[in-house]
PDB file of N, CA and C in Angstrom:
ATOM      1  N   UNK A   1     101.686  82.670 104.172  1.00  0.00           N
ATOM      2  CA  UNK A   1     102.331  83.416 102.658  1.00  0.00           C
ATOM      3  C   UNK A   1     102.393  84.779 103.237  1.00  0.00           C
ATOM      4  N   UNK A   2     101.604  85.487 104.111  1.00  0.00           N
ATOM      5  CA  UNK A   2     101.725  87.079 104.562  1.00  0.00           C
ATOM      6  C   UNK A   2     103.052  87.333 104.993  1.00  0.00           C
ATOM      7  N   UNK A   3     103.731  86.040 105.992  1.00  0.00           N
ATOM      8  CA  UNK A   3     104.934  86.447 106.408  1.00  0.00           C
ATOM      9  C   UNK A   3     105.650  86.303 105.486  1.00  0.00           C
ATOM     10  N   UNK A   4     105.921  85.734 104.438  1.00  0.00           N
ATOM     11  CA  UNK A   4     106.866  85.944 103.348  1.00  0.00           C
ATOM     12  C   UNK A   4     106.686  87.376 102.762  1.00  0.00           C
ATOM     13  N   UNK A   5     105.456  87.699 102.447  1.00  0.00           N
ATOM     14  CA  UNK A   5     105.310  89.188 102.036  1.00  0.00           C
ATOM     15  C   UNK A   5     105.930  90.134 103.022  1.00  0.00           C
ATOM     16  N   UNK A   6     105.600  90.253 103.978  1.00  0.00           N
ATOM     17  CA  UNK A   6     106.268  91.246 105.115  1.00  0.00           C
ATOM     18  C   UNK A   6     107.604  90.944 105.178  1.00  0.00           C
ATOM     19  N   UNK A   7     108.216  90.008 105.036  1.00  0.00           N
ATOM     20  CA  UNK A   7     109.982  89.650 105.158  1.00  0.00           C
ATOM     21  C   UNK A   7     110.372  90.492 103.937  1.00  0.00           C
ATOM     22  N   UNK A   8     109.647  90.058 102.682  1.00  0.00           N
ATOM     23  CA  UNK A   8     110.504  90.422 101.697  1.00  0.00           C
ATOM     24  C   UNK A   8     110.311  91.990 101.361  1.00  0.00           C
ATOM     25  N   UNK A   9     109.332  92.613 102.036  1.00  0.00           N
ATOM     26  CA  UNK A   9     108.888  93.961 102.078  1.00  0.00           C
ATOM     27  C   UNK A   9     109.845  94.672 102.793  1.00  0.00           C
ATOM     28  N   UNK A  10     110.367  94.063 103.977  1.00  0.00           N
ATOM     29  CA  UNK A  10     111.272  94.385 104.911  1.00  0.00           C
ATOM     30  C   UNK A  10     112.687  94.549 104.303  1.00  0.00           C
ATOM     31  N   UNK A  11     112.960  93.597 103.470  1.00  0.00           N
ATOM     32  CA  UNK A  11     114.331  93.348 103.049  1.00  0.00           C
ATOM     33  C   UNK A  11     114.422  94.403 101.556  1.00  0.00           C
ATOM     34  N   UNK A  12     113.179  94.740 100.829  1.00  0.00           N
ATOM     35  CA  UNK A  12     113.136  95.526  99.780  1.00  0.00           C
ATOM     36  C   UNK A  12     113.564  96.802 100.570  1.00  0.00           C
ATOM     37  N   UNK A  13     112.871  97.328 101.489  1.00  0.00           N
ATOM     38  CA  UNK A  13     112.975  98.452 102.006  1.00  0.00           C
ATOM     39  C   UNK A  13     114.520  99.248 102.817  1.00  0.00           C
ATOM     40  N   UNK A  14     114.910  97.891 103.425  1.00  0.00           N
ATOM     41  CA  UNK A  14     116.117  97.751 103.594  1.00  0.00           C
ATOM     42  C   UNK A  14     117.174  98.198 102.815  1.00  0.00           C
ATOM     43  N   UNK A  15     117.196  97.885 101.742  1.00  0.00           N
ATOM     44  CA  UNK A  15     118.175  98.239 100.577  1.00  0.00           C
ATOM     45  C   UNK A  15     118.317  99.753 100.462  1.00  0.00           C
ATOM     46  N   UNK A  16     117.216 100.668 100.812  1.00  0.00           N
ATOM     47  CA  UNK A  16     117.360 101.890 100.602  1.00  0.00           C
ATOM     48  C   UNK A  16     118.165 102.389 101.742  1.00  0.00           C
ATOM     49  N   UNK A  17     118.500 101.917 103.110  1.00  0.00           N
ATOM     50  CA  UNK A  17     119.367 102.425 104.006  1.00  0.00           C
ATOM     51  C   UNK A  17     120.856 102.902 103.744  1.00  0.00           C
ATOM     52  N   UNK A  18     121.124 102.319 102.309  1.00  0.00           N
ATOM     53  CA  UNK A  18     122.744 102.557 101.899  1.00  0.00           C
ATOM     54  C   UNK A  18     122.591 104.067 101.744  1.00  0.00           C
ATOM     55  N   UNK A  19     121.491 104.951 101.345  1.00  0.00           N
ATOM     56  CA  UNK A  19     121.460 106.443 101.150  1.00  0.00           C
ATOM     57  C   UNK A  19     121.707 107.017 102.513  1.00  0.00           C
ATOM     58  N   UNK A  20     121.543 106.407 103.663  1.00  0.00           N
ATOM     59  CA  UNK A  20     121.387 107.200 105.092  1.00  0.00           C
ATOM     60  C   UNK A  20     122.629 107.209 105.767  1.00  0.00           C
ATOM     61  N   UNK A  21     123.097 108.079 106.477  1.00  0.00           N
ATOM     62  CA  UNK A  21     124.341 107.861 107.430  1.00  0.00           C
ATOM     63  C   UNK A  21     124.292 106.758 108.399  1.00  0.00           C
ATOM     64  N   UNK A  22     125.452 105.995 108.249  1.00  0.00           N
ATOM     65  CA  UNK A  22     125.657 105.002 109.214  1.00  0.00           C
ATOM     66  C   UNK A  22     125.622 105.224 110.747  1.00  0.00           C
ATOM     67  N   UNK A  23     124.408 105.317 111.011  1.00  0.00           N
ATOM     68  CA  UNK A  23     124.140 105.538 112.657  1.00  0.00           C
ATOM     69  C   UNK A  23     123.194 104.482 113.315  1.00  0.00           C
ATOM     70  N   UNK A  24     123.158 103.219 112.410  1.00  0.00           N
ATOM     71  CA  UNK A  24     122.039 102.195 112.829  1.00  0.00           C
ATOM     72  C   UNK A  24     122.900 101.495 113.979  1.00  0.00           C
ATOM     73  N   UNK A  25     122.113 101.007 114.806  1.00  0.00           N
ATOM     74  CA  UNK A  25     122.860 100.254 115.930  1.00  0.00           C
ATOM     75  C   UNK A  25     123.237  98.763 115.314  1.00  0.00           C
ATOM     76  N   UNK A  26     124.733  98.797 115.458  1.00  0.00           N
ATOM     77  CA  UNK A  26     125.242  97.687 114.822  1.00  0.00           C
ATOM     78  C   UNK A  26     125.382  97.695 113.232  1.00  0.00           C
ATOM     79  N   UNK A  27     125.203  98.724 112.623  1.00  0.00           N
ATOM     80  CA  UNK A  27     125.367  99.132 111.214  1.00  0.00           C
ATOM     81  C   UNK A  27     124.521  98.640 110.306  1.00  0.00           C
ATOM     82  N   UNK A  28     124.862  98.155 109.190  1.00  0.00           N
ATOM     83  CA  UNK A  28     124.015  97.638 108.393  1.00  0.00           C
ATOM     84  C   UNK A  28     123.134  96.567 108.811  1.00  0.00           C
ATOM     85  N   UNK A  29     123.942  95.845 109.536  1.00  0.00           N
ATOM     86  CA  UNK A  29     123.098  94.499 109.899  1.00  0.00           C
ATOM     87  C   UNK A  29     122.142  94.633 110.999  1.00  0.00           C
ATOM     88  N   UNK A  30     122.179  95.421 111.772  1.00  0.00           N
ATOM     89  CA  UNK A  30     121.216  96.110 112.430  1.00  0.00           C
ATOM     90  C   UNK A  30     119.964  96.884 111.981  1.00  0.00           C
ATOM     91  N   UNK A  31     120.434  97.334 111.145  1.00  0.00           N
ATOM     92  CA  UNK A  31     119.309  97.990 109.890  1.00  0.00           C
ATOM     93  C   UNK A  31     118.430  96.860 109.344  1.00  0.00           C
ATOM     94  N   UNK A  32     119.265  95.596 108.870  1.00  0.00           N
ATOM     95  CA  UNK A  32     118.517  94.589 108.228  1.00  0.00           C
ATOM     96  C   UNK A  32     117.577  93.874 109.282  1.00  0.00           C
ATOM     97  N   UNK A  33     117.989  93.783 110.474  1.00  0.00           N
ATOM     98  CA  UNK A  33     117.179  93.116 111.843  1.00  0.00           C
ATOM     99  C   UNK A  33     116.086  93.898 111.916  1.00  0.00           C
ATOM    100  N   UNK A  34     116.277  95.385 112.122  1.00  0.00           N
ATOM    101  CA  UNK A  34     115.280  95.971 112.388  1.00  0.00           C
ATOM    102  C   UNK A  34     114.001  96.338 111.555  1.00  0.00           C
ATOM    103  N   UNK A  35     114.488  96.240 110.207  1.00  0.00           N
ATOM    104  CA  UNK A  35     113.472  96.242 108.963  1.00  0.00           C
ATOM    105  C   UNK A  35     112.660  95.036 108.976  1.00  0.00           C
ATOM    106  N   UNK A  36     113.336  93.902 109.144  1.00  0.00           N
ATOM    107  CA  UNK A  36     112.661  92.570 109.063  1.00  0.00           C
ATOM    108  C   UNK A  36     111.664  92.265 110.002  1.00  0.00           C
ATOM    109  N   UNK A  37     112.338  92.532 111.389  1.00  0.00           N
ATOM    110  CA  UNK A  37     111.599  92.082 112.482  1.00  0.00           C
ATOM    111  C   UNK A  37     110.463  93.191 112.777  1.00  0.00           C
ATOM    112  N   UNK A  38     110.783  94.463 112.375  1.00  0.00           N
ATOM    113  CA  UNK A  38     109.697  95.448 112.347  1.00  0.00           C
ATOM    114  C   UNK A  38     108.588  95.086 111.365  1.00  0.00           C
ATOM    115  N   UNK A  39     108.609  94.900 110.151  1.00  0.00           N
ATOM    116  CA  UNK A  39     107.703  94.671 109.468  1.00  0.00           C
ATOM    117  C   UNK A  39     106.904  93.120 109.830  1.00  0.00           C
ATOM    118  N   UNK A  40     107.720  92.218 110.327  1.00  0.00           N
ATOM    119  CA  UNK A  40     106.886  91.020 110.716  1.00  0.00           C
ATOM    120  C   UNK A  40     106.268  91.440 111.934  1.00  0.00           C
ATOM    121  N   UNK A  41     106.479  92.096 112.917  1.00  0.00           N
ATOM    122  CA  UNK A  41     105.918  92.334 114.154  1.00  0.00           C
ATOM    123  C   UNK A  41     104.445  93.225 113.962  1.00  0.00           C
ATOM    124  N   UNK A  42     104.982  94.071 113.204  1.00  0.00           N
ATOM    125  CA  UNK A  42     103.453  94.957 112.815  1.00  0.00           C
ATOM    126  C   UNK A  42     102.775  94.569 111.765  1.00  0.00           C
ATOM    127  N   UNK A  43     103.109  93.892 111.068  1.00  0.00           N
ATOM    128  CA  UNK A  43     102.382  93.005 110.119  1.00  0.00           C
ATOM    129  C   UNK A  43     101.473  92.076 110.887  1.00  0.00           C
ATOM    130  N   UNK A  44     102.097  91.302 112.070  1.00  0.00           N
ATOM    131  CA  UNK A  44     101.199  90.288 112.857  1.00  0.00           C
ATOM    132  C   UNK A  44     100.120  90.793 113.594  1.00  0.00           C
ATOM    133  N   UNK A  45     100.611  92.255 114.023  1.00  0.00           N
ATOM    134  CA  UNK A  45      99.458  92.859 115.019  1.00  0.00           C
ATOM    135  C   UNK A  45      98.708  93.467 114.081  1.00  0.00           C
ATOM    136  N   UNK A  46      98.539  93.837 112.770  1.00  0.00           N
ATOM    137  CA  UNK A  46      97.351  94.236 112.036  1.00  0.00           C
ATOM    138  C   UNK A  46      96.684  92.989 111.522  1.00  0.00           C
ATOM    139  N   UNK A  47      97.316  91.987 111.334  1.00  0.00           N
ATOM    140  CA  UNK A  47      96.765  90.676 111.226  1.00  0.00           C
ATOM    141  C   UNK A  47      95.960  90.272 112.340  1.00  0.00           C
ATOM    142  N   UNK A  48      96.184  90.020 113.555  1.00  0.00           N
ATOM    143  CA  UNK A  48      95.332  90.004 114.758  1.00  0.00           C
ATOM    144  C   UNK A  48      94.231  90.840 115.000  1.00  0.00           C
ATOM    145  N   UNK A  49      94.496  92.122 114.608  1.00  0.00           N
ATOM    146  CA  UNK A  49      93.491  93.362 114.646  1.00  0.00           C
ATOM    147  C   UNK A  49      92.342  93.117 113.808  1.00  0.00           C
ATOM    148  N   UNK A  50      92.610  92.964 112.689  1.00  0.00           N
ATOM    149  CA  UNK A  50      91.907  92.541 111.393  1.00  0.00           C
ATOM    150  C   UNK A  50      91.079  91.047 111.414  1.00  0.00           C
ATOM    151  N   UNK A  51      91.634  90.274 111.926  1.00  0.00           N
ATOM    152  CA  UNK A  51      90.966  88.743 112.076  1.00  0.00           C
ATOM    153  C   UNK A  51      91.061  87.975 110.832  1.00  0.00           C
ATOM    154  N   UNK A  52      92.065  88.505 109.833  1.00  0.00           N
ATOM    155  CA  UNK A  52      92.491  87.818 108.527  1.00  0.00           C
ATOM    156  C   UNK A  52      93.167  86.613 108.944  1.00  0.00           C
ATOM    157  N   UNK A  53      93.280  85.595 107.912  1.00  0.00           N
ATOM    158  CA  UNK A  53      94.121  84.418 108.068  1.00  0.00           C
ATOM    159  C   UNK A  53      95.488  84.997 107.530  1.00  0.00           C
ATOM    160  N   UNK A  54      96.761  84.240 107.881  1.00  0.00           N
ATOM    161  CA  UNK A  54      97.766  84.492 107.364  1.00  0.00           C
ATOM    162  C   UNK A  54      97.983  83.826 105.846  1.00  0.00           C
ATOM    163  N   UNK A  55      97.253  83.074 105.545  1.00  0.00           N
ATOM    164  CA  UNK A  55      96.895  82.721 104.070  1.00  0.00           C
ATOM    165  C   UNK A  55      96.507  83.910 103.028  1.00  0.00           C
ATOM    166  N   UNK A  56      95.690  84.484 103.767  1.00  0.00           N
ATOM    167  CA  UNK A  56      94.988  85.611 102.789  1.00  0.00           C
ATOM    168  C   UNK A  56      95.960  86.774 102.555  1.00  0.00           C
ATOM    169  N   UNK A  57      96.480  86.715 101.217  1.00  0.00           N
ATOM    170  CA  UNK A  57      97.656  88.074 100.936  1.00  0.00           C
ATOM    171  C   UNK A  57      96.704  88.530  99.817  1.00  0.00           C
ATOM    172  N   UNK A  58      97.156  89.886  99.653  1.00  0.00           N
ATOM    173  CA  UNK A  58      96.618  90.693  98.437  1.00  0.00           C
ATOM    174  C   UNK A  58      97.544  91.950  98.712  1.00  0.00           C
ATOM    175  N   UNK A  59      97.196  93.063  98.059  1.00  0.00           N
ATOM    176  CA  UNK A  59      98.048  94.343  97.675  1.00  0.00           C
ATOM    177  C   UNK A  59      98.090  94.965  99.288  1.00  0.00           C
ATOM    178  N   UNK A  60      97.000  95.089  99.929  1.00  0.00           N
ATOM    179  CA  UNK A  60      96.986  95.482 101.207  1.00  0.00           C
ATOM    180  C   UNK A  60      97.994  94.855 102.215  1.00  0.00           C
ATOM    181  N   UNK A  61      98.314  93.428 102.032  1.00  0.00           N
ATOM    182  CA  UNK A  61      99.210  92.746 102.736  1.00  0.00           C
ATOM    183  C   UNK A  61     100.551  93.185 102.533  1.00  0.00           C
ATOM    184  N   UNK A  62     100.990  93.624 101.363  1.00  0.00           N
ATOM    185  CA  UNK A  62     102.415  94.353 101.300  1.00  0.00           C
ATOM    186  C   UNK A  62     102.660  95.592 101.826  1.00  0.00           C
ATOM    187  N   UNK A  63     101.552  96.224 101.611  1.00  0.00           N
ATOM    188  CA  UNK A  63     101.262  97.607 102.015  1.00  0.00           C
ATOM    189  C   UNK A  63     101.586  97.872 103.767  1.00  0.00           C
ATOM    190  N   UNK A  64     100.949  96.741 104.207  1.00  0.00           N
ATOM    191  CA  UNK A  64     100.840  96.758 105.711  1.00  0.00           C
ATOM    192  C   UNK A  64     102.579  96.806 106.370  1.00  0.00           C
ATOM    193  N   UNK A  65     103.424  96.093 105.542  1.00  0.00           N
ATOM    194  CA  UNK A  65     104.657  95.861 105.695  1.00  0.00           C
ATOM    195  C   UNK A  65     105.616  97.178 105.747  1.00  0.00           C
ATOM    196  N   UNK A  66     105.040  97.964 105.185  1.00  0.00           N
ATOM    197  CA  UNK A  66     105.816  99.327 104.971  1.00  0.00           C
ATOM    198  C   UNK A  66     105.732 100.265 106.029  1.00  0.00           C
ATOM    199  N   UNK A  67     104.780 100.586 107.030  1.00  0.00           N
ATOM    200  CA  UNK A  67     105.046 101.157 108.199  1.00  0.00           C
ATOM    201  C   UNK A  67     105.920 100.260 109.126  1.00  0.00           C
ATOM    202  N   UNK A  68     105.570  98.966 109.230  1.00  0.00           N
ATOM    203  CA  UNK A  68     106.398  98.364 110.065  1.00  0.00           C
ATOM    204  C   UNK A  68     107.930  98.372 110.132  1.00  0.00           C
ATOM    205  N   UNK A  69     108.187  98.561 108.772  1.00  0.00           N
ATOM    206  CA  UNK A  69     109.629  98.343 108.257  1.00  0.00           C
ATOM    207  C   UNK A  69     109.986  99.921 108.780  1.00  0.00           C
ATOM    208  N   UNK A  70     109.375 100.851 108.496  1.00  0.00           N
ATOM    209  CA  UNK A  70     109.940 102.184 108.885  1.00  0.00           C
ATOM    210  C   UNK A  70     110.184 102.401 110.452  1.00  0.00           C
ATOM    211  N   UNK A  71     108.975 101.571 110.957  1.00  0.00           N
ATOM    212  CA  UNK A  71     109.218 101.673 112.734  1.00  0.00           C
ATOM    213  C   UNK A  71     110.540 101.025 113.224  1.00  0.00           C
ATOM    214  N   UNK A  72     110.680 100.012 112.526  1.00  0.00           N
ATOM    215  CA  UNK A  72     111.695  99.315 113.069  1.00  0.00           C
ATOM    216  C   UNK A  72     113.062  99.815 112.858  1.00  0.00           C
ATOM    217  N   UNK A  73     113.206 100.209 111.591  1.00  0.00           N
ATOM    218  CA  UNK A  73     114.433 101.209 111.187  1.00  0.00           C
ATOM    219  C   UNK A  73     114.436 102.360 112.234  1.00  0.00           C
ATOM    220  N   UNK A  74     113.384 102.730 112.371  1.00  0.00           N
ATOM    221  CA  UNK A  74     113.526 104.034 113.354  1.00  0.00           C
ATOM    222  C   UNK A  74     114.171 103.476 114.768  1.00  0.00           C
ATOM    223  N   UNK A  75     113.657 102.437 115.056  1.00  0.00           N
ATOM    224  CA  UNK A  75     113.980 102.204 116.811  1.00  0.00           C
ATOM    225  C   UNK A  75     115.576 102.083 116.529  1.00  0.00           C
ATOM    226  N   UNK A  76     115.985 100.974 115.513  1.00  0.00           N
ATOM    227  CA  UNK A  76     117.318 100.677 115.400  1.00  0.00           C
ATOM    228  C   UNK A  76     118.187 102.017 115.281  1.00  0.00           C
ATOM    229  N   UNK A  77     117.624 103.108 114.438  1.00  0.00           N
ATOM    230  CA  UNK A  77     118.370 104.403 114.108  1.00  0.00           C
ATOM    231  C   UNK A  77     118.601 104.975 115.500  1.00  0.00           C
ATOM    232  N   UNK A  78     117.566 105.237 116.378  1.00  0.00           N
ATOM    233  CA  UNK A  78     117.548 105.852 117.765  1.00  0.00           C
ATOM    234  C   UNK A  78     118.193 105.169 118.625  1.00  0.00           C
ATOM    235  N   UNK A  79     118.631 103.877 118.671  1.00  0.00           N
ATOM    236  CA  UNK A  79     119.253 103.161 119.728  1.00  0.00           C
ATOM    237  C   UNK A  79     120.830 103.389 119.201  1.00  0.00           C
ATOM    238  N   UNK A  80     121.402 103.605 117.984  1.00  0.00           N
ATOM    239  CA  UNK A  80     122.396 103.589 117.210  1.00  0.00           C
ATOM    240  C   UNK A  80     122.774 105.204 117.643  1.00  0.00           C
ATOM    241  N   UNK A  81     121.929 106.234 117.521  1.00  0.00           N
ATOM    242  CA  UNK A  81     122.399 107.550 117.737  1.00  0.00           C
ATOM    243  C   UNK A  81     122.538 107.809 119.277  1.00  0.00           C
ATOM    244  N   UNK A  82     121.695 107.037 119.938  1.00  0.00           N
ATOM    245  CA  UNK A  82     121.955 107.439 121.516  1.00  0.00           C
ATOM    246  C   UNK A  82     123.064 106.610 121.670  1.00  0.00           C
ATOM    247  N   UNK A  83     123.453 105.469 121.470  1.00  0.00           N
ATOM    248  CA  UNK A  83     124.762 104.835 121.776  1.00  0.00           C
ATOM    249  C   UNK A  83     126.147 106.044 121.587  1.00  0.00           C
ATOM    250  N   UNK A  84     125.790 106.276 119.842  1.00  0.00           N
ATOM    251  CA  UNK A  84     126.777 107.275 119.524  1.00  0.00           C
ATOM    252  C   UNK A  84     127.390 108.361 120.427  1.00  0.00           C
ATOM    253  N   UNK A  85     126.046 108.924 120.827  1.00  0.00           N
ATOM    254  CA  UNK A  85     126.150 110.276 121.745  1.00  0.00           C
ATOM    255  C   UNK A  85     126.579 109.812 123.236  1.00  0.00           C
ATOM    256  N   UNK A  86     126.456 108.777 123.608  1.00  0.00           N
ATOM    257  CA  UNK A  86     126.934 108.234 124.817  1.00  0.00           C
ATOM    258  C   UNK A  86     128.339 107.821 124.906  1.00  0.00           C
ATOM    259  N   UNK A  87     128.795 107.782 123.597  1.00  0.00           N
ATOM    260  CA  UNK A  87     130.507 107.409 123.409  1.00  0.00           C
ATOM    261  C   UNK A  87     131.109 108.623 123.374  1.00  0.00           C
ATOM    262  N   UNK A  88     130.436 109.602 122.955  1.00  0.00           N
ATOM    263  CA  UNK A  88     131.325 110.974 122.766  1.00  0.00           C
ATOM    264  C   UNK A  88     131.411 111.794 124.087  1.00  0.00           C
ATOM    265  N   UNK A  89     130.230 111.218 125.162  1.00  0.00           N
ATOM    266  CA  UNK A  89     130.602 112.062 126.343  1.00  0.00           C
ATOM    267  C   UNK A  89     131.484 111.574 127.107  1.00  0.00           C
TER     268      UNK A  89
END
């Protein structure tokens, strides 16, 4: 159940990328993939460290997806900015 919560948190925060300039790697689809994969990977890492089960969900489970989503979006943003800078050279 925790995977579903992190997936939905990634999608929910991804919707706010429409307010950012279009510099994500592969555009809005890349931002979607970065948000979802980031939230899932970070959530699983925190889950492994804390020793909780995937079935244990609470408010903290949803909040764990937020930093993962931001990290995933940041990585995809940096890749896109680097590719854009390389194309201008």
